[in-house]
Amino acid sequence: PIDSSHIPPLEQPEKPVARVVVDVMLKPEILDPQGQAVQGALARLGHSGVTSVRQGKRFELELDAAPDAATLDEIAGTLLANTVIEDYTIRVEDA
């Protein structure tokens, strides 16, 4: 048998305090070729009831401290979204 008494236990990472979800979508007036391609494929597959498809991005951030709204807005508006052509929404979920 192996003596594991000298091996320290693995440290467990701290549980996050909050999970922040940032959804980024192209602004309505911006052409969405990827969404149009999906809509066309759906029609070819027989799903003719789909009238519009918009493609977007979802980011999940886990925080070790309570989120600050101004900081989250800065992160989303400067790094996660191109605010010239994209809109974003931020929501905080329980971790």
PDB file of N, CA and C in Angstrom:
ATOM      1  N   PRO A   1       0.824  -1.195   0.000  1.00  0.00           N
ATOM      2  CA  PRO A   1       0.000   0.000   0.000  1.00  0.00           C
ATOM      3  C   PRO A   1       0.864   1.254   0.000  1.00  0.00           C
ATOM      4  N   ILE A   2       0.297   2.312  -0.613  1.00  0.00           N
ATOM      5  CA  ILE A   2       1.008   3.589  -0.681  1.00  0.00           C
ATOM      6  C   ILE A   2       0.644   4.418   0.537  1.00  0.00           C
ATOM      7  N   ASP A   3       1.664   5.011   1.171  1.00  0.00           N
ATOM      8  CA  ASP A   3       1.431   5.878   2.323  1.00  0.00           C
ATOM      9  C   ASP A   3       1.179   7.293   1.817  1.00  0.00           C
ATOM     10  N   SER A   4      -0.061   7.733   1.897  1.00  0.00           N
ATOM     11  CA  SER A   4      -0.412   9.063   1.397  1.00  0.00           C
ATOM     12  C   SER A   4      -0.517  10.096   2.510  1.00  0.00           C
ATOM     13  N   SER A   5      -0.049   9.758   3.690  1.00  0.00           N
ATOM     14  CA  SER A   5      -0.181  10.683   4.816  1.00  0.00           C
ATOM     15  C   SER A   5       0.664  11.940   4.653  1.00  0.00           C
ATOM     16  N   HIS A   6       1.693  11.887   3.828  1.00  0.00           N
ATOM     17  CA  HIS A   6       2.557  13.063   3.630  1.00  0.00           C
ATOM     18  C   HIS A   6       2.099  13.943   2.466  1.00  0.00           C
ATOM     19  N   ILE A   7       1.073  13.524   1.749  1.00  0.00           N
ATOM     20  CA  ILE A   7       0.570  14.304   0.617  1.00  0.00           C
ATOM     21  C   ILE A   7      -0.511  15.259   1.119  1.00  0.00           C
ATOM     22  N   PRO A   8      -0.308  16.551   0.919  1.00  0.00           N
ATOM     23  CA  PRO A   8      -1.323  17.502   1.391  1.00  0.00           C
ATOM     24  C   PRO A   8      -2.608  17.368   0.568  1.00  0.00           C
ATOM     25  N   PRO A   9      -3.755  17.640   1.178  1.00  0.00           N
ATOM     26  CA  PRO A   9      -5.007  17.569   0.420  1.00  0.00           C
ATOM     27  C   PRO A   9      -5.045  18.652  -0.657  1.00  0.00           C
ATOM     28  N   LEU A  10      -5.730  18.354  -1.744  1.00  0.00           N
ATOM     29  CA  LEU A  10      -5.883  19.351  -2.801  1.00  0.00           C
ATOM     30  C   LEU A  10      -6.700  20.519  -2.293  1.00  0.00           C
ATOM     31  N   GLU A  11      -6.254  21.718  -2.623  1.00  0.00           N
ATOM     32  CA  GLU A  11      -7.020  22.894  -2.222  1.00  0.00           C
ATOM     33  C   GLU A  11      -8.222  23.040  -3.135  1.00  0.00           C
ATOM     34  N   GLN A  12      -9.371  23.270  -2.553  1.00  0.00           N
ATOM     35  CA  GLN A  12     -10.585  23.485  -3.310  1.00  0.00           C
ATOM     36  C   GLN A  12     -10.682  24.965  -3.664  1.00  0.00           C
ATOM     37  N   PRO A  13     -10.956  25.280  -4.906  1.00  0.00           N
ATOM     38  CA  PRO A  13     -11.113  26.704  -5.253  1.00  0.00           C
ATOM     39  C   PRO A  13     -12.323  27.276  -4.531  1.00  0.00           C
ATOM     40  N   GLU A  14     -12.219  28.561  -4.202  1.00  0.00           N
ATOM     41  CA  GLU A  14     -13.343  29.212  -3.528  1.00  0.00           C
ATOM     42  C   GLU A  14     -14.536  29.270  -4.460  1.00  0.00           C
ATOM     43  N   LYS A  15     -15.716  29.117  -3.864  1.00  0.00           N
ATOM     44  CA  LYS A  15     -16.931  29.219  -4.668  1.00  0.00           C
ATOM     45  C   LYS A  15     -17.123  30.678  -5.072  1.00  0.00           C
ATOM     46  N   PRO A  16     -17.541  30.895  -6.300  1.00  0.00           N
ATOM     47  CA  PRO A  16     -17.791  32.280  -6.718  1.00  0.00           C
ATOM     48  C   PRO A  16     -18.965  32.875  -5.954  1.00  0.00           C
ATOM     49  N   VAL A  17     -18.915  34.171  -5.775  1.00  0.00           N
ATOM     50  CA  VAL A  17     -19.982  34.887  -5.085  1.00  0.00           C
ATOM     51  C   VAL A  17     -21.143  35.133  -6.036  1.00  0.00           C
ATOM     52  N   ALA A  18     -20.827  35.426  -7.288  1.00  0.00           N
ATOM     53  CA  ALA A  18     -21.877  35.749  -8.262  1.00  0.00           C
ATOM     54  C   ALA A  18     -21.462  35.290  -9.648  1.00  0.00           C
ATOM     55  N   ARG A  19     -22.466  35.020 -10.446  1.00  0.00           N
ATOM     56  CA  ARG A  19     -22.255  34.722 -11.864  1.00  0.00           C
ATOM     57  C   ARG A  19     -22.926  35.840 -12.643  1.00  0.00           C
ATOM     58  N   VAL A  20     -22.188  36.417 -13.565  1.00  0.00           N
ATOM     59  CA  VAL A  20     -22.707  37.497 -14.398  1.00  0.00           C
ATOM     60  C   VAL A  20     -22.803  36.980 -15.828  1.00  0.00           C
ATOM     61  N   VAL A  21     -23.953  37.179 -16.442  1.00  0.00           N
ATOM     62  CA  VAL A  21     -24.156  36.764 -17.823  1.00  0.00           C
ATOM     63  C   VAL A  21     -24.301  38.023 -18.668  1.00  0.00           C
ATOM     64  N   VAL A  22     -23.487  38.112 -19.710  1.00  0.00           N
ATOM     65  CA  VAL A  22     -23.551  39.234 -20.643  1.00  0.00           C
ATOM     66  C   VAL A  22     -23.934  38.663 -22.009  1.00  0.00           C
ATOM     67  N   ASP A  23     -25.085  39.086 -22.510  1.00  0.00           N
ATOM     68  CA  ASP A  23     -25.540  38.688 -23.837  1.00  0.00           C
ATOM     69  C   ASP A  23     -25.268  39.836 -24.797  1.00  0.00           C
ATOM     70  N   VAL A  24     -24.613  39.534 -25.913  1.00  0.00           N
ATOM     71  CA  VAL A  24     -24.255  40.542 -26.909  1.00  0.00           C
ATOM     72  C   VAL A  24     -24.953  40.183 -28.219  1.00  0.00           C
ATOM     73  N   MET A  25     -25.677  41.135 -28.781  1.00  0.00           N
ATOM     74  CA  MET A  25     -26.393  40.932 -30.041  1.00  0.00           C
ATOM     75  C   MET A  25     -26.107  42.093 -30.978  1.00  0.00           C
ATOM     76  N   LEU A  26     -26.100  41.805 -32.271  1.00  0.00           N
ATOM     77  CA  LEU A  26     -25.992  42.882 -33.247  1.00  0.00           C
ATOM     78  C   LEU A  26     -27.187  43.822 -33.091  1.00  0.00           C
ATOM     79  N   LYS A  27     -26.960  45.101 -33.280  1.00  0.00           N
ATOM     80  CA  LYS A  27     -28.066  46.056 -33.236  1.00  0.00           C
ATOM     81  C   LYS A  27     -29.063  45.699 -34.343  1.00  0.00           C
ATOM     82  N   PRO A  28     -30.344  45.984 -34.129  1.00  0.00           N
ATOM     83  CA  PRO A  28     -31.371  45.592 -35.110  1.00  0.00           C
ATOM     84  C   PRO A  28     -31.112  46.107 -36.525  1.00  0.00           C
ATOM     85  N   GLU A  29     -30.497  47.263 -36.661  1.00  0.00           N
ATOM     86  CA  GLU A  29     -30.279  47.832 -37.985  1.00  0.00           C
ATOM     87  C   GLU A  29     -29.039  47.272 -38.697  1.00  0.00           C
ATOM     88  N   ILE A  30     -28.280  46.422 -38.014  1.00  0.00           N
ATOM     89  CA  ILE A  30     -27.074  45.833 -38.594  1.00  0.00           C
ATOM     90  C   ILE A  30     -27.424  44.500 -39.258  1.00  0.00           C
ATOM     91  N   LEU A  31     -27.013  44.334 -40.510  1.00  0.00           N
ATOM     92  CA  LEU A  31     -27.239  43.099 -41.242  1.00  0.00           C
ATOM     93  C   LEU A  31     -26.573  41.935 -40.523  1.00  0.00           C
ATOM     94  N   ASP A  32     -27.276  40.801 -40.427  1.00  0.00           N
ATOM     95  CA  ASP A  32     -26.769  39.614 -39.740  1.00  0.00           C
ATOM     96  C   ASP A  32     -26.684  38.452 -40.730  1.00  0.00           C
ATOM     97  N   PRO A  33     -25.594  38.364 -41.514  1.00  0.00           N
ATOM     98  CA  PRO A  33     -25.502  37.316 -42.522  1.00  0.00           C
ATOM     99  C   PRO A  33     -25.510  35.908 -41.929  1.00  0.00           C
ATOM    100  N   GLN A  34     -24.941  35.735 -40.752  1.00  0.00           N
ATOM    101  CA  GLN A  34     -24.937  34.407 -40.136  1.00  0.00           C
ATOM    102  C   GLN A  34     -26.359  34.007 -39.734  1.00  0.00           C
ATOM    103  N   GLY A  35     -27.108  34.931 -39.186  1.00  0.00           N
ATOM    104  CA  GLY A  35     -28.501  34.660 -38.850  1.00  0.00           C
ATOM    105  C   GLY A  35     -29.324  34.350 -40.089  1.00  0.00           C
ATOM    106  N   GLN A  36     -29.074  35.089 -41.171  1.00  0.00           N
ATOM    107  CA  GLN A  36     -29.795  34.844 -42.424  1.00  0.00           C
ATOM    108  C   GLN A  36     -29.459  33.467 -42.989  1.00  0.00           C
ATOM    109  N   ALA A  37     -28.195  33.041 -42.870  1.00  0.00           N
ATOM    110  CA  ALA A  37     -27.799  31.719 -43.350  1.00  0.00           C
ATOM    111  C   ALA A  37     -28.515  30.623 -42.563  1.00  0.00           C
ATOM    112  N   VAL A  38     -28.621  30.793 -41.256  1.00  0.00           N
ATOM    113  CA  VAL A  38     -29.331  29.820 -40.429  1.00  0.00           C
ATOM    114  C   VAL A  38     -30.811  29.794 -40.802  1.00  0.00           C
ATOM    115  N   GLN A  39     -31.406  30.970 -40.992  1.00  0.00           N
ATOM    116  CA  GLN A  39     -32.817  31.032 -41.383  1.00  0.00           C
ATOM    117  C   GLN A  39     -33.041  30.311 -42.719  1.00  0.00           C
ATOM    118  N   GLY A  40     -32.155  30.516 -43.674  1.00  0.00           N
ATOM    119  CA  GLY A  40     -32.268  29.837 -44.962  1.00  0.00           C
ATOM    120  C   GLY A  40     -32.146  28.329 -44.820  1.00  0.00           C
ATOM    121  N   ALA A  41     -31.206  27.879 -43.982  1.00  0.00           N
ATOM    122  CA  ALA A  41     -31.029  26.442 -43.758  1.00  0.00           C
ATOM    123  C   ALA A  41     -32.264  25.837 -43.098  1.00  0.00           C
ATOM    124  N   LEU A  42     -32.844  26.564 -42.155  1.00  0.00           N
ATOM    125  CA  LEU A  42     -34.066  26.071 -41.501  1.00  0.00           C
ATOM    126  C   LEU A  42     -35.189  25.896 -42.522  1.00  0.00           C
ATOM    127  N   ALA A  43     -35.326  26.862 -43.417  1.00  0.00           N
ATOM    128  CA  ALA A  43     -36.370  26.770 -44.448  1.00  0.00           C
ATOM    129  C   ALA A  43     -36.133  25.558 -45.345  1.00  0.00           C
ATOM    130  N   ARG A  44     -34.863  25.332 -45.718  1.00  0.00           N
ATOM    131  CA  ARG A  44     -34.545  24.180 -46.566  1.00  0.00           C
ATOM    132  C   ARG A  44     -34.822  22.864 -45.855  1.00  0.00           C
ATOM    133  N   LEU A  45     -34.744  22.863 -44.536  1.00  0.00           N
ATOM    134  CA  LEU A  45     -35.019  21.658 -43.753  1.00  0.00           C
ATOM    135  C   LEU A  45     -36.504  21.491 -43.436  1.00  0.00           C
ATOM    136  N   GLY A  46     -37.318  22.406 -43.961  1.00  0.00           N
ATOM    137  CA  GLY A  46     -38.758  22.285 -43.768  1.00  0.00           C
ATOM    138  C   GLY A  46     -39.324  23.066 -42.606  1.00  0.00           C
ATOM    139  N   HIS A  47     -38.530  23.880 -41.967  1.00  0.00           N
ATOM    140  CA  HIS A  47     -38.989  24.699 -40.842  1.00  0.00           C
ATOM    141  C   HIS A  47     -39.329  26.105 -41.357  1.00  0.00           C
ATOM    142  N   SER A  48     -40.414  26.185 -42.102  1.00  0.00           N
ATOM    143  CA  SER A  48     -40.751  27.430 -42.787  1.00  0.00           C
ATOM    144  C   SER A  48     -41.371  28.480 -41.870  1.00  0.00           C
ATOM    145  N   GLY A  49     -41.735  28.123 -40.655  1.00  0.00           N
ATOM    146  CA  GLY A  49     -42.372  29.078 -39.746  1.00  0.00           C
ATOM    147  C   GLY A  49     -41.414  30.031 -39.064  1.00  0.00           C
ATOM    148  N   VAL A  50     -40.109  29.860 -39.235  1.00  0.00           N
ATOM    149  CA  VAL A  50     -39.122  30.745 -38.607  1.00  0.00           C
ATOM    150  C   VAL A  50     -38.990  31.991 -39.471  1.00  0.00           C
ATOM    151  N   THR A  51     -39.399  33.136 -38.928  1.00  0.00           N
ATOM    152  CA  THR A  51     -39.413  34.367 -39.714  1.00  0.00           C
ATOM    153  C   THR A  51     -38.149  35.213 -39.567  1.00  0.00           C
ATOM    154  N   SER A  52     -37.343  34.947 -38.536  1.00  0.00           N
ATOM    155  CA  SER A  52     -36.129  35.729 -38.347  1.00  0.00           C
ATOM    156  C   SER A  52     -35.180  34.976 -37.421  1.00  0.00           C
ATOM    157  N   VAL A  53     -33.890  35.091 -37.690  1.00  0.00           N
ATOM    158  CA  VAL A  53     -32.853  34.532 -36.821  1.00  0.00           C
ATOM    159  C   VAL A  53     -31.782  35.600 -36.649  1.00  0.00           C
ATOM    160  N   ARG A  54     -31.392  35.849 -35.414  1.00  0.00           N
ATOM    161  CA  ARG A  54     -30.284  36.755 -35.104  1.00  0.00           C
ATOM    162  C   ARG A  54     -29.262  35.970 -34.300  1.00  0.00           C
ATOM    163  N   GLN A  55     -28.015  36.097 -34.663  1.00  0.00           N
ATOM    164  CA  GLN A  55     -26.929  35.400 -34.000  1.00  0.00           C
ATOM    165  C   GLN A  55     -26.302  36.329 -32.977  1.00  0.00           C
ATOM    166  N   GLY A  56     -25.888  35.778 -31.827  1.00  0.00           N
ATOM    167  CA  GLY A  56     -25.263  36.602 -30.797  1.00  0.00           C
ATOM    168  C   GLY A  56     -24.197  35.835 -30.034  1.00  0.00           C
ATOM    169  N   LYS A  57     -23.714  36.462 -28.956  1.00  0.00           N
ATOM    170  CA  LYS A  57     -22.685  35.861 -28.104  1.00  0.00           C
ATOM    171  C   LYS A  57     -23.156  35.924 -26.656  1.00  0.00           C
ATOM    172  N   ARG A  58     -22.739  34.944 -25.873  1.00  0.00           N
ATOM    173  CA  ARG A  58     -23.053  34.916 -24.443  1.00  0.00           C
ATOM    174  C   ARG A  58     -21.739  34.730 -23.685  1.00  0.00           C
ATOM    175  N   PHE A  59     -21.536  35.573 -22.677  1.00  0.00           N
ATOM    176  CA  PHE A  59     -20.356  35.473 -21.820  1.00  0.00           C
ATOM    177  C   PHE A  59     -20.837  35.214 -20.395  1.00  0.00           C
ATOM    178  N   GLU A  60     -20.177  34.300 -19.696  1.00  0.00           N
ATOM    179  CA  GLU A  60     -20.465  34.040 -18.288  1.00  0.00           C
ATOM    180  C   GLU A  60     -19.212  34.356 -17.490  1.00  0.00           C
ATOM    181  N   LEU A  61     -19.341  35.256 -16.538  1.00  0.00           N
ATOM    182  CA  LEU A  61     -18.229  35.634 -15.680  1.00  0.00           C
ATOM    183  C   LEU A  61     -18.559  35.205 -14.259  1.00  0.00           C
ATOM    184  N   GLU A  62     -17.631  34.522 -13.599  1.00  0.00           N
ATOM    185  CA  GLU A  62     -17.804  34.172 -12.197  1.00  0.00           C
ATOM    186  C   GLU A  62     -16.929  35.103 -11.385  1.00  0.00           C
ATOM    187  N   LEU A  63     -17.528  35.721 -10.380  1.00  0.00           N
ATOM    188  CA  LEU A  63     -16.844  36.728  -9.577  1.00  0.00           C
ATOM    189  C   LEU A  63     -16.659  36.242  -8.152  1.00  0.00           C
ATOM    190  N   ASP A  64     -15.539  36.637  -7.543  1.00  0.00           N
ATOM    191  CA  ASP A  64     -15.296  36.255  -6.161  1.00  0.00           C
ATOM    192  C   ASP A  64     -15.735  37.345  -5.176  1.00  0.00           C
ATOM    193  N   ALA A  65     -16.325  38.405  -5.690  1.00  0.00           N
ATOM    194  CA  ALA A  65     -16.841  39.483  -4.849  1.00  0.00           C
ATOM    195  C   ALA A  65     -18.151  39.971  -5.453  1.00  0.00           C
ATOM    196  N   ALA A  66     -18.914  40.685  -4.670  1.00  0.00           N
ATOM    197  CA  ALA A  66     -20.185  41.218  -5.162  1.00  0.00           C
ATOM    198  C   ALA A  66     -19.923  42.112  -6.370  1.00  0.00           C
ATOM    199  N   PRO A  67     -20.720  41.962  -7.421  1.00  0.00           N
ATOM    200  CA  PRO A  67     -20.470  42.745  -8.636  1.00  0.00           C
ATOM    201  C   PRO A  67     -20.833  44.212  -8.473  1.00  0.00           C
ATOM    202  N   ASP A  68     -20.058  45.051  -9.105  1.00  0.00           N
ATOM    203  CA  ASP A  68     -20.297  46.488  -9.137  1.00  0.00           C
ATOM    204  C   ASP A  68     -20.846  46.823 -10.523  1.00  0.00           C
ATOM    205  N   ALA A  69     -22.023  47.432 -10.586  1.00  0.00           N
ATOM    206  CA  ALA A  69     -22.698  47.685 -11.859  1.00  0.00           C
ATOM    207  C   ALA A  69     -21.837  48.510 -12.820  1.00  0.00           C
ATOM    208  N   ALA A  70     -21.155  49.518 -12.320  1.00  0.00           N
ATOM    209  CA  ALA A  70     -20.339  50.367 -13.198  1.00  0.00           C
ATOM    210  C   ALA A  70     -19.172  49.577 -13.792  1.00  0.00           C
ATOM    211  N   THR A  71     -18.553  48.722 -12.992  1.00  0.00           N
ATOM    212  CA  THR A  71     -17.446  47.909 -13.479  1.00  0.00           C
ATOM    213  C   THR A  71     -17.929  46.912 -14.528  1.00  0.00           C
ATOM    214  N   LEU A  72     -19.072  46.281 -14.264  1.00  0.00           N
ATOM    215  CA  LEU A  72     -19.626  45.334 -15.232  1.00  0.00           C
ATOM    216  C   LEU A  72     -19.959  46.028 -16.542  1.00  0.00           C
ATOM    217  N   ASP A  73     -20.517  47.216 -16.469  1.00  0.00           N
ATOM    218  CA  ASP A  73     -20.846  47.975 -17.667  1.00  0.00           C
ATOM    219  C   ASP A  73     -19.582  48.325 -18.449  1.00  0.00           C
ATOM    220  N   GLU A  74     -18.527  48.683 -17.741  1.00  0.00           N
ATOM    221  CA  GLU A  74     -17.256  49.006 -18.402  1.00  0.00           C
ATOM    222  C   GLU A  74     -16.672  47.772 -19.094  1.00  0.00           C
ATOM    223  N   ILE A  75     -16.709  46.621 -18.409  1.00  0.00           N
ATOM    224  CA  ILE A  75     -16.199  45.377 -18.988  1.00  0.00           C
ATOM    225  C   ILE A  75     -16.973  45.034 -20.255  1.00  0.00           C
ATOM    226  N   ALA A  76     -18.293  45.069 -20.164  1.00  0.00           N
ATOM    227  CA  ALA A  76     -19.125  44.694 -21.312  1.00  0.00           C
ATOM    228  C   ALA A  76     -18.966  45.687 -22.462  1.00  0.00           C
ATOM    229  N   GLY A  77     -18.946  46.957 -22.136  1.00  0.00           N
ATOM    230  CA  GLY A  77     -18.921  47.980 -23.169  1.00  0.00           C
ATOM    231  C   GLY A  77     -17.572  48.207 -23.821  1.00  0.00           C
ATOM    232  N   THR A  78     -16.485  47.790 -23.166  1.00  0.00           N
ATOM    233  CA  THR A  78     -15.162  48.016 -23.744  1.00  0.00           C
ATOM    234  C   THR A  78     -14.491  46.748 -24.248  1.00  0.00           C
ATOM    235  N   LEU A  79     -14.843  45.599 -23.671  1.00  0.00           N
ATOM    236  CA  LEU A  79     -14.153  44.369 -24.038  1.00  0.00           C
ATOM    237  C   LEU A  79     -15.057  43.343 -24.718  1.00  0.00           C
ATOM    238  N   LEU A  80     -16.260  43.156 -24.217  1.00  0.00           N
ATOM    239  CA  LEU A  80     -17.110  42.070 -24.709  1.00  0.00           C
ATOM    240  C   LEU A  80     -17.948  42.445 -25.924  1.00  0.00           C
ATOM    241  N   ALA A  81     -18.293  43.708 -26.053  1.00  0.00           N
ATOM    242  CA  ALA A  81     -19.148  44.143 -27.161  1.00  0.00           C
ATOM    243  C   ALA A  81     -18.488  45.275 -27.933  1.00  0.00           C
ATOM    244  N   ASN A  82     -18.760  45.291 -29.227  1.00  0.00           N
ATOM    245  CA  ASN A  82     -18.384  46.425 -30.066  1.00  0.00           C
ATOM    246  C   ASN A  82     -19.627  47.307 -30.115  1.00  0.00           C
ATOM    247  N   THR A  83     -19.663  48.329 -29.289  1.00  0.00           N
ATOM    248  CA  THR A  83     -20.890  49.109 -29.101  1.00  0.00           C
ATOM    249  C   THR A  83     -21.290  49.931 -30.320  1.00  0.00           C
ATOM    250  N   VAL A  84     -20.443  49.982 -31.329  1.00  0.00           N
ATOM    251  CA  VAL A  84     -20.826  50.655 -32.571  1.00  0.00           C
ATOM    252  C   VAL A  84     -21.896  49.832 -33.292  1.00  0.00           C
ATOM    253  N   ILE A  85     -21.745  48.502 -33.248  1.00  0.00           N
ATOM    254  CA  ILE A  85     -22.669  47.635 -33.984  1.00  0.00           C
ATOM    255  C   ILE A  85     -23.418  46.639 -33.098  1.00  0.00           C
ATOM    256  N   GLU A  86     -23.084  46.591 -31.798  1.00  0.00           N
ATOM    257  CA  GLU A  86     -23.701  45.603 -30.916  1.00  0.00           C
ATOM    258  C   GLU A  86     -24.308  46.253 -29.677  1.00  0.00           C
ATOM    259  N   ASP A  87     -25.387  45.636 -29.201  1.00  0.00           N
ATOM    260  CA  ASP A  87     -25.986  45.973 -27.918  1.00  0.00           C
ATOM    261  C   ASP A  87     -25.672  44.848 -26.949  1.00  0.00           C
ATOM    262  N   TYR A  88     -25.719  45.134 -25.660  1.00  0.00           N
ATOM    263  CA  TYR A  88     -25.492  44.073 -24.679  1.00  0.00           C
ATOM    264  C   TYR A  88     -26.445  44.246 -23.496  1.00  0.00           C
ATOM    265  N   THR A  89     -26.713  43.126 -22.850  1.00  0.00           N
ATOM    266  CA  THR A  89     -27.472  43.130 -21.607  1.00  0.00           C
ATOM    267  C   THR A  89     -26.649  42.394 -20.560  1.00  0.00           C
ATOM    268  N   ILE A  90     -26.786  42.828 -19.329  1.00  0.00           N
ATOM    269  CA  ILE A  90     -26.044  42.225 -18.216  1.00  0.00           C
ATOM    270  C   ILE A  90     -27.065  41.773 -17.184  1.00  0.00           C
ATOM    271  N   ARG A  91     -26.899  40.545 -16.696  1.00  0.00           N
ATOM    272  CA  ARG A  91     -27.728  40.092 -15.583  1.00  0.00           C
ATOM    273  C   ARG A  91     -26.871  39.316 -14.606  1.00  0.00           C
ATOM    274  N   VAL A  92     -27.169  39.476 -13.339  1.00  0.00           N
ATOM    275  CA  VAL A  92     -26.437  38.805 -12.283  1.00  0.00           C
ATOM    276  C   VAL A  92     -27.283  37.640 -11.782  1.00  0.00           C
ATOM    277  N   GLU A  93     -26.681  36.455 -11.738  1.00  0.00           N
ATOM    278  CA  GLU A  93     -27.365  35.259 -11.254  1.00  0.00           C
ATOM    279  C   GLU A  93     -26.696  34.825  -9.955  1.00  0.00           C
ATOM    280  N   ASP A  94     -27.410  34.050  -9.172  1.00  0.00           N
ATOM    281  CA  ASP A  94     -26.806  33.456  -7.979  1.00  0.00           C
ATOM    282  C   ASP A  94     -25.757  32.454  -8.396  1.00  0.00           C
ATOM    283  N   ALA A  95     -24.655  32.420  -7.671  1.00  0.00           N
ATOM    284  CA  ALA A  95     -23.567  31.481  -8.004  1.00  0.00           C
ATOM    285  C   ALA A  95     -23.918  30.079  -7.563  1.00  0.00           C
TER     286      ALA A  95
END
